[in-house]
Amino acid sequence: MLLQFVINGLITGILYSLAAVGFAIAYNTTHVFHIAAAAVYTAAAYCFFFAVRTVGMPVWAAAGVALAFAAALNLACEVAVYRPLNQRKAAHSVVMIASIGVLAVILNLVAMLFGNETKIIDNTIQPAIRWGSLILSRPQAFQLGLGIAALAAFAVFLRFTSFGLKARAFGNDPALFALFGFGDASTRMGAYAIGGVFLGAASCLSAYDVGMSPHSGMPVLINALVAMIIGGIGRFTACIAGGILLGILQALAVWRFAANWQPAVTFSLLLVFLFFRPQGLFGYKKRIV
């Protein structure tokens, strides 16, 4: 029984990690607190739902459309909102408030088009995979396999591509990055496009299993933020470890107590790290000059 909860927590943690990567690549690169990522997550799920249930596309094709839509919507946030504010040297607080405004607009549009009730993509009984006492549904198997593959691909991409190097360099020192003649516009756009893909991946994998509602994005974003802080702000892949740790601890809280203890575990863990290790598991301390 315990092992079943650990596996369930691992799968949940992988979903948190995908969403955390989607947020972290934008935040660590551009230092924009992209709260509208919750709206991108929600909108991607509804695009997936529309493509499957209304258009009649196969699930794999609908998922591809939803990922492209999430990347385009995330990129639109950068081009239409964040870039003009950055060019005007707006304060970070102003950009964050603008992001909250984008979040409200997108979520209200989703609710207006699809309603506030929960939507289910596939309401049939899904076959289960059994290994002894362990039971995984088919959506959980997709979440486990595809999630691990996506996170591994991201780590390789970030480590061995020129864009990964540029993103890390731009996030560490934008002024020095510009001094060497690199353009920040393409790097920012690439970060938001890739971030949108990972937000869409987390959204589609979750929506295929449990459905979606217009308010499903914000709880996921909160867990993604906690995962990023636990892993270490500034480290692009550290949020993966933070997300998995958070998911497993939440599952153990369900096993030992009840499901309503999950938020308590999440924020207790956050407070512990903020007080005793604010740089996270793999982060580094910064000296303020």
C-alpha atoms as a PDB file:
ATOM      1  CA  MET A   1       0.000   0.000   0.000  1.00  0.00           C
ATOM      2  CA  LEU A   2       2.797   2.421   0.888  1.00  0.00           C
ATOM      3  CA  LEU A   3       4.584   1.738  -2.407  1.00  0.00           C
ATOM      4  CA  GLN A   4       1.381   2.528  -4.300  1.00  0.00           C
ATOM      5  CA  PHE A   5       1.184   5.932  -2.628  1.00  0.00           C
ATOM      6  CA  VAL A   6       4.856   6.590  -3.358  1.00  0.00           C
ATOM      7  CA  ILE A   7       4.343   5.806  -7.054  1.00  0.00           C
ATOM      8  CA  ASN A   8       1.251   8.021  -7.130  1.00  0.00           C
ATOM      9  CA  GLY A   9       3.278  10.784  -5.491  1.00  0.00           C
ATOM     10  CA  LEU A  10       6.070  10.326  -8.023  1.00  0.00           C
ATOM     11  CA  ILE A  11       3.612  10.744 -10.894  1.00  0.00           C
ATOM     12  CA  THR A  12       2.099  13.842  -9.274  1.00  0.00           C
ATOM     13  CA  GLY A  13       5.593  15.186  -8.703  1.00  0.00           C
ATOM     14  CA  ILE A  14       6.448  14.710 -12.375  1.00  0.00           C
ATOM     15  CA  LEU A  15       3.413  16.794 -13.323  1.00  0.00           C
ATOM     16  CA  TYR A  16       4.487  19.462 -10.826  1.00  0.00           C
ATOM     17  CA  SER A  17       7.977  19.354 -12.312  1.00  0.00           C
ATOM     18  CA  LEU A  18       6.687  19.878 -15.853  1.00  0.00           C
ATOM     19  CA  ALA A  19       4.694  22.920 -14.736  1.00  0.00           C
ATOM     20  CA  ALA A  20       7.633  24.158 -12.661  1.00  0.00           C
ATOM     21  CA  VAL A  21       9.959  23.928 -15.677  1.00  0.00           C
ATOM     22  CA  GLY A  22       7.405  25.919 -17.685  1.00  0.00           C
ATOM     23  CA  PHE A  23       7.458  28.665 -15.079  1.00  0.00           C
ATOM     24  CA  ALA A  24      11.137  28.470 -14.131  1.00  0.00           C
ATOM     25  CA  ILE A  25      12.595  28.788 -17.620  1.00  0.00           C
ATOM     26  CA  ALA A  26      10.763  32.098 -18.044  1.00  0.00           C
ATOM     27  CA  TYR A  27      11.471  33.343 -14.519  1.00  0.00           C
ATOM     28  CA  ASN A  28      15.139  32.340 -14.383  1.00  0.00           C
ATOM     29  CA  THR A  29      15.775  33.845 -17.819  1.00  0.00           C
ATOM     30  CA  THR A  30      13.752  37.067 -17.739  1.00  0.00           C
ATOM     31  CA  HIS A  31      13.056  37.457 -13.979  1.00  0.00           C
ATOM     32  CA  VAL A  32       9.366  38.039 -14.723  1.00  0.00           C
ATOM     33  CA  PHE A  33       7.014  36.581 -12.117  1.00  0.00           C
ATOM     34  CA  HIS A  34       4.820  35.037 -14.783  1.00  0.00           C
ATOM     35  CA  ILE A  35       1.580  34.451 -12.851  1.00  0.00           C
ATOM     36  CA  ALA A  36      -0.302  34.258 -16.159  1.00  0.00           C
ATOM     37  CA  ALA A  37       1.344  30.843 -16.568  1.00  0.00           C
ATOM     38  CA  ALA A  38      -1.656  29.494 -14.627  1.00  0.00           C
ATOM     39  CA  ALA A  39      -3.935  30.818 -17.370  1.00  0.00           C
ATOM     40  CA  VAL A  40      -1.735  29.300 -20.087  1.00  0.00           C
ATOM     41  CA  TYR A  41      -1.955  25.964 -18.263  1.00  0.00           C
ATOM     42  CA  THR A  42      -5.758  26.190 -18.105  1.00  0.00           C
ATOM     43  CA  ALA A  43      -6.198  27.384 -21.680  1.00  0.00           C
ATOM     44  CA  ALA A  44      -4.025  24.532 -23.004  1.00  0.00           C
ATOM     45  CA  ALA A  45      -6.275  21.989 -21.288  1.00  0.00           C
ATOM     46  CA  TYR A  46      -9.385  23.499 -22.858  1.00  0.00           C
ATOM     47  CA  CYS A  47      -7.710  23.603 -26.265  1.00  0.00           C
ATOM     48  CA  PHE A  48      -6.980  19.892 -25.821  1.00  0.00           C
ATOM     49  CA  PHE A  49     -10.602  19.287 -24.807  1.00  0.00           C
ATOM     50  CA  PHE A  50     -11.958  21.265 -27.781  1.00  0.00           C
ATOM     51  CA  ALA A  51      -9.710  19.456 -30.257  1.00  0.00           C
ATOM     52  CA  VAL A  52     -10.761  16.022 -28.978  1.00  0.00           C
ATOM     53  CA  ARG A  53     -14.444  16.447 -28.136  1.00  0.00           C
ATOM     54  CA  THR A  54     -15.572  19.098 -30.652  1.00  0.00           C
ATOM     55  CA  VAL A  55     -13.238  18.746 -33.617  1.00  0.00           C
ATOM     56  CA  GLY A  56     -12.879  14.986 -33.187  1.00  0.00           C
ATOM     57  CA  MET A  57      -9.090  14.827 -33.480  1.00  0.00           C
ATOM     58  CA  PRO A  58      -7.137  11.838 -32.177  1.00  0.00           C
ATOM     59  CA  VAL A  59      -5.729  12.340 -28.695  1.00  0.00           C
ATOM     60  CA  TRP A  60      -2.112  12.496 -29.856  1.00  0.00           C
ATOM     61  CA  ALA A  61      -2.887  15.089 -32.555  1.00  0.00           C
ATOM     62  CA  ALA A  62      -5.027  17.143 -30.171  1.00  0.00           C
ATOM     63  CA  ALA A  63      -2.176  17.127 -27.656  1.00  0.00           C
ATOM     64  CA  GLY A  64       0.180  18.476 -30.312  1.00  0.00           C
ATOM     65  CA  VAL A  65      -2.261  21.270 -31.139  1.00  0.00           C
ATOM     66  CA  ALA A  66      -2.624  22.096 -27.439  1.00  0.00           C
ATOM     67  CA  LEU A  67       1.159  22.274 -26.974  1.00  0.00           C
ATOM     68  CA  ALA A  68       1.502  24.619 -29.950  1.00  0.00           C
ATOM     69  CA  PHE A  69      -1.368  26.743 -28.626  1.00  0.00           C
ATOM     70  CA  ALA A  70       0.211  26.939 -25.158  1.00  0.00           C
ATOM     71  CA  ALA A  71       3.559  27.978 -26.659  1.00  0.00           C
ATOM     72  CA  ALA A  72       1.868  30.671 -28.782  1.00  0.00           C
ATOM     73  CA  LEU A  73      -0.192  31.990 -25.858  1.00  0.00           C
ATOM     74  CA  ASN A  74       2.828  32.099 -23.550  1.00  0.00           C
ATOM     75  CA  LEU A  75       4.798  33.862 -26.267  1.00  0.00           C
ATOM     76  CA  ALA A  76       1.951  36.358 -26.733  1.00  0.00           C
ATOM     77  CA  CYS A  77       2.224  37.276 -23.048  1.00  0.00           C
ATOM     78  CA  GLU A  78       5.875  38.169 -23.614  1.00  0.00           C
ATOM     79  CA  VAL A  79       5.404  40.066 -26.890  1.00  0.00           C
ATOM     80  CA  ALA A  80       2.202  41.942 -26.019  1.00  0.00           C
ATOM     81  CA  VAL A  81       2.720  42.627 -22.301  1.00  0.00           C
ATOM     82  CA  TYR A  82       6.139  41.924 -20.818  1.00  0.00           C
ATOM     83  CA  ARG A  83       8.363  43.216 -23.624  1.00  0.00           C
ATOM     84  CA  PRO A  84       6.716  46.675 -23.840  1.00  0.00           C
ATOM     85  CA  LEU A  85       6.917  47.001 -20.054  1.00  0.00           C
ATOM     86  CA  ASN A  86      10.555  45.918 -20.090  1.00  0.00           C
ATOM     87  CA  GLN A  87      11.360  48.497 -22.767  1.00  0.00           C
ATOM     88  CA  ARG A  88       9.796  51.164 -20.554  1.00  0.00           C
ATOM     89  CA  LYS A  89      11.901  49.998 -17.578  1.00  0.00           C
ATOM     90  CA  ALA A  90       8.805  49.169 -15.571  1.00  0.00           C
ATOM     91  CA  ALA A  91       9.303  47.890 -12.030  1.00  0.00           C
ATOM     92  CA  HIS A  92       8.956  44.173 -11.344  1.00  0.00           C
ATOM     93  CA  SER A  93       5.853  44.855  -9.267  1.00  0.00           C
ATOM     94  CA  VAL A  94       4.198  46.567 -12.245  1.00  0.00           C
ATOM     95  CA  VAL A  95       4.988  43.615 -14.495  1.00  0.00           C
ATOM     96  CA  MET A  96       3.590  41.203 -11.918  1.00  0.00           C
ATOM     97  CA  ILE A  97       0.341  43.184 -11.649  1.00  0.00           C
ATOM     98  CA  ALA A  98       0.084  43.167 -15.444  1.00  0.00           C
ATOM     99  CA  SER A  99       0.547  39.400 -15.366  1.00  0.00           C
ATOM    100  CA  ILE A 100      -2.302  39.077 -12.870  1.00  0.00           C
ATOM    101  CA  GLY A 101      -4.444  41.108 -15.270  1.00  0.00           C
ATOM    102  CA  VAL A 102      -3.596  38.759 -18.141  1.00  0.00           C
ATOM    103  CA  LEU A 103      -4.482  35.825 -15.894  1.00  0.00           C
ATOM    104  CA  ALA A 104      -7.900  37.288 -15.086  1.00  0.00           C
ATOM    105  CA  VAL A 105      -8.699  38.068 -18.727  1.00  0.00           C
ATOM    106  CA  ILE A 106      -7.773  34.613 -20.035  1.00  0.00           C
ATOM    107  CA  LEU A 107      -9.553  32.713 -17.258  1.00  0.00           C
ATOM    108  CA  ASN A 108     -12.728  34.728 -17.704  1.00  0.00           C
ATOM    109  CA  LEU A 109     -12.635  34.107 -21.459  1.00  0.00           C
ATOM    110  CA  VAL A 110     -12.262  30.377 -20.817  1.00  0.00           C
ATOM    111  CA  ALA A 111     -15.177  30.399 -18.373  1.00  0.00           C
ATOM    112  CA  MET A 112     -17.312  32.390 -20.805  1.00  0.00           C
ATOM    113  CA  LEU A 113     -16.632  29.990 -23.689  1.00  0.00           C
ATOM    114  CA  PHE A 114     -16.751  26.654 -21.857  1.00  0.00           C
ATOM    115  CA  GLY A 115     -18.590  27.312 -18.606  1.00  0.00           C
ATOM    116  CA  ASN A 116     -17.421  26.857 -15.021  1.00  0.00           C
ATOM    117  CA  GLU A 117     -18.202  23.168 -14.647  1.00  0.00           C
ATOM    118  CA  THR A 118     -15.526  20.482 -14.843  1.00  0.00           C
ATOM    119  CA  LYS A 119     -14.951  19.017 -18.308  1.00  0.00           C
ATOM    120  CA  ILE A 120     -13.844  15.428 -18.905  1.00  0.00           C
ATOM    121  CA  ILE A 121     -12.008  14.428 -22.059  1.00  0.00           C
ATOM    122  CA  ASP A 122     -12.496  10.675 -21.854  1.00  0.00           C
ATOM    123  CA  ASN A 123     -15.189   9.376 -19.497  1.00  0.00           C
ATOM    124  CA  THR A 124     -14.718   5.703 -20.393  1.00  0.00           C
ATOM    125  CA  ILE A 125     -13.236   3.225 -17.940  1.00  0.00           C
ATOM    126  CA  GLN A 126      -9.503   3.219 -18.556  1.00  0.00           C
ATOM    127  CA  PRO A 127      -7.604  -0.098 -18.538  1.00  0.00           C
ATOM    128  CA  ALA A 128      -5.160  -0.595 -15.691  1.00  0.00           C
ATOM    129  CA  ILE A 129      -1.604  -1.898 -15.653  1.00  0.00           C
ATOM    130  CA  ARG A 130      -0.740  -4.204 -12.757  1.00  0.00           C
ATOM    131  CA  TRP A 131       2.657  -5.165 -11.332  1.00  0.00           C
ATOM    132  CA  GLY A 132       1.946  -7.269  -8.318  1.00  0.00           C
ATOM    133  CA  SER A 133       0.161  -5.021  -5.842  1.00  0.00           C
ATOM    134  CA  LEU A 134       0.861  -1.864  -7.887  1.00  0.00           C
ATOM    135  CA  ILE A 135      -1.900  -0.529 -10.116  1.00  0.00           C
ATOM    136  CA  LEU A 136      -1.456   2.206 -12.721  1.00  0.00           C
ATOM    137  CA  SER A 137      -4.198   3.501 -14.961  1.00  0.00           C
ATOM    138  CA  ARG A 138      -3.374   4.175 -18.607  1.00  0.00           C
ATOM    139  CA  PRO A 139      -3.343   7.984 -18.069  1.00  0.00           C
ATOM    140  CA  GLN A 140      -0.941   7.494 -15.150  1.00  0.00           C
ATOM    141  CA  ALA A 141       1.320   5.365 -17.343  1.00  0.00           C
ATOM    142  CA  PHE A 142       1.333   8.166 -19.928  1.00  0.00           C
ATOM    143  CA  GLN A 143       2.127  10.709 -17.229  1.00  0.00           C
ATOM    144  CA  LEU A 144       4.999   8.631 -15.903  1.00  0.00           C
ATOM    145  CA  GLY A 145       6.568   7.682 -19.234  1.00  0.00           C
ATOM    146  CA  LEU A 146       6.028  10.880 -21.204  1.00  0.00           C
ATOM    147  CA  GLY A 147       6.785  13.088 -18.204  1.00  0.00           C
ATOM    148  CA  ILE A 148      10.148  11.453 -17.545  1.00  0.00           C
ATOM    149  CA  ALA A 149      11.010  11.628 -21.259  1.00  0.00           C
ATOM    150  CA  ALA A 150      10.107  15.330 -21.467  1.00  0.00           C
ATOM    151  CA  LEU A 151      12.084  16.248 -18.353  1.00  0.00           C
ATOM    152  CA  ALA A 152      15.122  14.291 -19.536  1.00  0.00           C
ATOM    153  CA  ALA A 153      14.902  15.944 -22.959  1.00  0.00           C
ATOM    154  CA  PHE A 154      14.764  19.366 -21.307  1.00  0.00           C
ATOM    155  CA  ALA A 155      17.863  18.652 -19.213  1.00  0.00           C
ATOM    156  CA  VAL A 156      19.790  17.516 -22.306  1.00  0.00           C
ATOM    157  CA  PHE A 157      18.514  20.463 -24.362  1.00  0.00           C
ATOM    158  CA  LEU A 158      19.504  22.976 -21.702  1.00  0.00           C
ATOM    159  CA  ARG A 159      22.943  21.464 -21.256  1.00  0.00           C
ATOM    160  CA  PHE A 160      24.019  20.833 -24.836  1.00  0.00           C
ATOM    161  CA  THR A 161      22.376  23.493 -27.035  1.00  0.00           C
ATOM    162  CA  SER A 162      23.391  27.060 -27.731  1.00  0.00           C
ATOM    163  CA  PHE A 163      19.984  28.304 -26.604  1.00  0.00           C
ATOM    164  CA  GLY A 164      20.432  26.592 -23.239  1.00  0.00           C
ATOM    165  CA  LEU A 165      23.762  28.365 -22.811  1.00  0.00           C
ATOM    166  CA  LYS A 166      22.277  31.693 -23.846  1.00  0.00           C
ATOM    167  CA  ALA A 167      19.302  31.310 -21.502  1.00  0.00           C
ATOM    168  CA  ARG A 168      21.570  30.614 -18.540  1.00  0.00           C
ATOM    169  CA  ALA A 169      23.902  33.463 -19.451  1.00  0.00           C
ATOM    170  CA  PHE A 170      21.058  35.948 -19.944  1.00  0.00           C
ATOM    171  CA  GLY A 171      19.490  34.948 -16.636  1.00  0.00           C
ATOM    172  CA  ASN A 172      22.793  35.389 -14.762  1.00  0.00           C
ATOM    173  CA  ASP A 173      23.743  38.794 -16.159  1.00  0.00           C
ATOM    174  CA  PRO A 174      21.582  40.510 -18.828  1.00  0.00           C
ATOM    175  CA  ALA A 175      23.935  43.495 -19.088  1.00  0.00           C
ATOM    176  CA  LEU A 176      27.001  41.349 -19.760  1.00  0.00           C
ATOM    177  CA  PHE A 177      24.934  39.234 -22.165  1.00  0.00           C
ATOM    178  CA  ALA A 178      24.110  42.349 -24.207  1.00  0.00           C
ATOM    179  CA  LEU A 179      27.715  43.552 -23.969  1.00  0.00           C
ATOM    180  CA  PHE A 180      28.865  40.468 -25.854  1.00  0.00           C
ATOM    181  CA  GLY A 181      26.482  41.340 -28.687  1.00  0.00           C
ATOM    182  CA  PHE A 182      23.719  38.815 -28.099  1.00  0.00           C
ATOM    183  CA  GLY A 183      20.126  39.905 -28.655  1.00  0.00           C
ATOM    184  CA  ASP A 184      17.856  39.503 -25.680  1.00  0.00           C
ATOM    185  CA  ALA A 185      14.586  39.520 -27.677  1.00  0.00           C
ATOM    186  CA  SER A 186      15.090  36.115 -29.298  1.00  0.00           C
ATOM    187  CA  THR A 187      16.273  34.593 -26.017  1.00  0.00           C
ATOM    188  CA  ARG A 188      13.242  35.895 -24.149  1.00  0.00           C
ATOM    189  CA  MET A 189      10.888  34.668 -26.872  1.00  0.00           C
ATOM    190  CA  GLY A 190      12.510  31.249 -26.899  1.00  0.00           C
ATOM    191  CA  ALA A 191      12.196  30.953 -23.123  1.00  0.00           C
ATOM    192  CA  TYR A 192       8.481  31.741 -23.192  1.00  0.00           C
ATOM    193  CA  ALA A 193       7.809  29.447 -26.136  1.00  0.00           C
ATOM    194  CA  ILE A 194       9.564  26.511 -24.491  1.00  0.00           C
ATOM    195  CA  GLY A 195       7.934  27.329 -21.166  1.00  0.00           C
ATOM    196  CA  GLY A 196       4.538  27.245 -22.845  1.00  0.00           C
ATOM    197  CA  VAL A 197       5.256  23.777 -24.249  1.00  0.00           C
ATOM    198  CA  PHE A 198       5.993  22.415 -20.773  1.00  0.00           C
ATOM    199  CA  LEU A 199       2.965  24.120 -19.251  1.00  0.00           C
ATOM    200  CA  GLY A 200       0.855  22.587 -22.015  1.00  0.00           C
ATOM    201  CA  ALA A 201       2.409  19.151 -21.473  1.00  0.00           C
ATOM    202  CA  ALA A 202       1.600  19.218 -17.754  1.00  0.00           C
ATOM    203  CA  SER A 203      -1.895  20.446 -18.527  1.00  0.00           C
ATOM    204  CA  CYS A 204      -2.716  17.843 -21.188  1.00  0.00           C
ATOM    205  CA  LEU A 205      -1.378  14.927 -19.148  1.00  0.00           C
ATOM    206  CA  SER A 206      -3.390  16.009 -16.126  1.00  0.00           C
ATOM    207  CA  ALA A 207      -6.564  16.867 -18.071  1.00  0.00           C
ATOM    208  CA  TYR A 208      -6.599  13.487 -19.820  1.00  0.00           C
ATOM    209  CA  ASP A 209      -6.692  11.841 -16.398  1.00  0.00           C
ATOM    210  CA  VAL A 210      -8.913  14.024 -14.183  1.00  0.00           C
ATOM    211  CA  GLY A 211     -10.397  16.667 -16.495  1.00  0.00           C
ATOM    212  CA  MET A 212     -10.189  20.420 -16.093  1.00  0.00           C
ATOM    213  CA  SER A 213     -12.012  23.507 -14.825  1.00  0.00           C
ATOM    214  CA  PRO A 214     -11.299  27.228 -15.325  1.00  0.00           C
ATOM    215  CA  HIS A 215      -9.753  27.367 -11.851  1.00  0.00           C
ATOM    216  CA  SER A 216      -7.473  24.338 -12.087  1.00  0.00           C
ATOM    217  CA  GLY A 217      -4.373  26.273 -13.114  1.00  0.00           C
ATOM    218  CA  MET A 218      -3.680  28.322  -9.984  1.00  0.00           C
ATOM    219  CA  PRO A 219      -3.272  25.388  -7.536  1.00  0.00           C
ATOM    220  CA  VAL A 220      -0.857  23.764  -9.974  1.00  0.00           C
ATOM    221  CA  LEU A 221       1.090  27.011 -10.333  1.00  0.00           C
ATOM    222  CA  ILE A 222       1.374  27.345  -6.547  1.00  0.00           C
ATOM    223  CA  ASN A 223       2.802  23.826  -6.296  1.00  0.00           C
ATOM    224  CA  ALA A 224       5.137  24.597  -9.214  1.00  0.00           C
ATOM    225  CA  LEU A 225       6.399  27.729  -7.437  1.00  0.00           C
ATOM    226  CA  VAL A 226       7.016  25.763  -4.262  1.00  0.00           C
ATOM    227  CA  ALA A 227       8.860  23.132  -6.311  1.00  0.00           C
ATOM    228  CA  MET A 228      11.047  25.816  -7.872  1.00  0.00           C
ATOM    229  CA  ILE A 229      11.894  27.325  -4.470  1.00  0.00           C
ATOM    230  CA  ILE A 230      12.646  23.908  -2.964  1.00  0.00           C
ATOM    231  CA  GLY A 231      14.862  22.945  -5.886  1.00  0.00           C
ATOM    232  CA  GLY A 232      16.664  26.266  -6.024  1.00  0.00           C
ATOM    233  CA  ILE A 233      15.831  29.506  -7.811  1.00  0.00           C
ATOM    234  CA  GLY A 234      18.246  30.191 -10.635  1.00  0.00           C
ATOM    235  CA  ARG A 235      18.850  26.524 -11.407  1.00  0.00           C
ATOM    236  CA  PHE A 236      16.780  25.552 -14.433  1.00  0.00           C
ATOM    237  CA  THR A 237      16.551  21.821 -13.709  1.00  0.00           C
ATOM    238  CA  ALA A 238      16.540  21.950  -9.900  1.00  0.00           C
ATOM    239  CA  CYS A 239      12.765  22.406  -9.886  1.00  0.00           C
ATOM    240  CA  ILE A 240      12.459  18.827 -11.168  1.00  0.00           C
ATOM    241  CA  ALA A 241      13.823  17.482  -7.888  1.00  0.00           C
ATOM    242  CA  GLY A 242      11.660  19.941  -5.969  1.00  0.00           C
ATOM    243  CA  GLY A 243       8.516  18.847  -7.787  1.00  0.00           C
ATOM    244  CA  ILE A 244       9.157  15.142  -7.254  1.00  0.00           C
ATOM    245  CA  LEU A 245       9.953  15.651  -3.561  1.00  0.00           C
ATOM    246  CA  LEU A 246       6.792  17.704  -3.109  1.00  0.00           C
ATOM    247  CA  GLY A 247       4.604  15.166  -4.901  1.00  0.00           C
ATOM    248  CA  ILE A 248       5.901  12.248  -2.839  1.00  0.00           C
ATOM    249  CA  LEU A 249       5.504  14.110   0.457  1.00  0.00           C
ATOM    250  CA  GLN A 250       1.946  15.056  -0.445  1.00  0.00           C
ATOM    251  CA  ALA A 251       1.167  11.414  -1.261  1.00  0.00           C
ATOM    252  CA  LEU A 252       2.644  10.293   2.074  1.00  0.00           C
ATOM    253  CA  ALA A 253       0.442  12.853   3.826  1.00  0.00           C
ATOM    254  CA  VAL A 254      -2.594  11.314   2.135  1.00  0.00           C
ATOM    255  CA  TRP A 255      -1.439   7.821   3.135  1.00  0.00           C
ATOM    256  CA  ARG A 256      -0.768   8.755   6.767  1.00  0.00           C
ATOM    257  CA  PHE A 257      -3.511  11.327   7.380  1.00  0.00           C
ATOM    258  CA  ALA A 258      -5.982  12.497   4.704  1.00  0.00           C
ATOM    259  CA  ALA A 259      -6.084  14.379   1.405  1.00  0.00           C
ATOM    260  CA  ASN A 260      -6.959  17.678   3.076  1.00  0.00           C
ATOM    261  CA  TRP A 261      -3.492  17.668   4.710  1.00  0.00           C
ATOM    262  CA  GLN A 262      -1.760  18.199   1.366  1.00  0.00           C
ATOM    263  CA  PRO A 263      -1.789  22.026   1.462  1.00  0.00           C
ATOM    264  CA  ALA A 264      -0.433  21.946   5.016  1.00  0.00           C
ATOM    265  CA  VAL A 265       2.449  19.734   3.920  1.00  0.00           C
ATOM    266  CA  THR A 266       3.151  21.956   0.910  1.00  0.00           C
ATOM    267  CA  PHE A 267       3.383  25.216   2.818  1.00  0.00           C
ATOM    268  CA  SER A 268       5.102  23.676   5.841  1.00  0.00           C
ATOM    269  CA  LEU A 269       7.821  22.414   3.519  1.00  0.00           C
ATOM    270  CA  LEU A 270       8.028  25.850   1.902  1.00  0.00           C
ATOM    271  CA  LEU A 271       8.444  27.558   5.289  1.00  0.00           C
ATOM    272  CA  VAL A 272      11.149  25.094   6.333  1.00  0.00           C
ATOM    273  CA  PHE A 273      13.166  25.867   3.218  1.00  0.00           C
ATOM    274  CA  LEU A 274      12.605  29.615   3.441  1.00  0.00           C
ATOM    275  CA  PHE A 275      13.841  29.673   7.043  1.00  0.00           C
ATOM    276  CA  PHE A 276      16.675  27.137   6.955  1.00  0.00           C
ATOM    277  CA  ARG A 277      17.757  26.815   3.317  1.00  0.00           C
ATOM    278  CA  PRO A 278      16.367  29.679   1.233  1.00  0.00           C
ATOM    279  CA  GLN A 279      18.660  28.830  -1.688  1.00  0.00           C
ATOM    280  CA  GLY A 280      16.905  25.466  -2.063  1.00  0.00           C
ATOM    281  CA  LEU A 281      18.377  22.008  -2.506  1.00  0.00           C
ATOM    282  CA  PHE A 282      20.664  22.851  -5.411  1.00  0.00           C
ATOM    283  CA  GLY A 283      20.660  26.649  -5.407  1.00  0.00           C
ATOM    284  CA  TYR A 284      23.440  28.951  -4.355  1.00  0.00           C
ATOM    285  CA  LYS A 285      23.620  31.910  -2.053  1.00  0.00           C
ATOM    286  CA  LYS A 286      23.858  35.311  -3.672  1.00  0.00           C
ATOM    287  CA  ARG A 287      25.808  38.174  -2.236  1.00  0.00           C
ATOM    288  CA  ILE A 288      24.058  41.538  -2.495  1.00  0.00           C
ATOM    289  CA  VAL A 289      26.477  44.289  -3.470  1.00  0.00           C
END
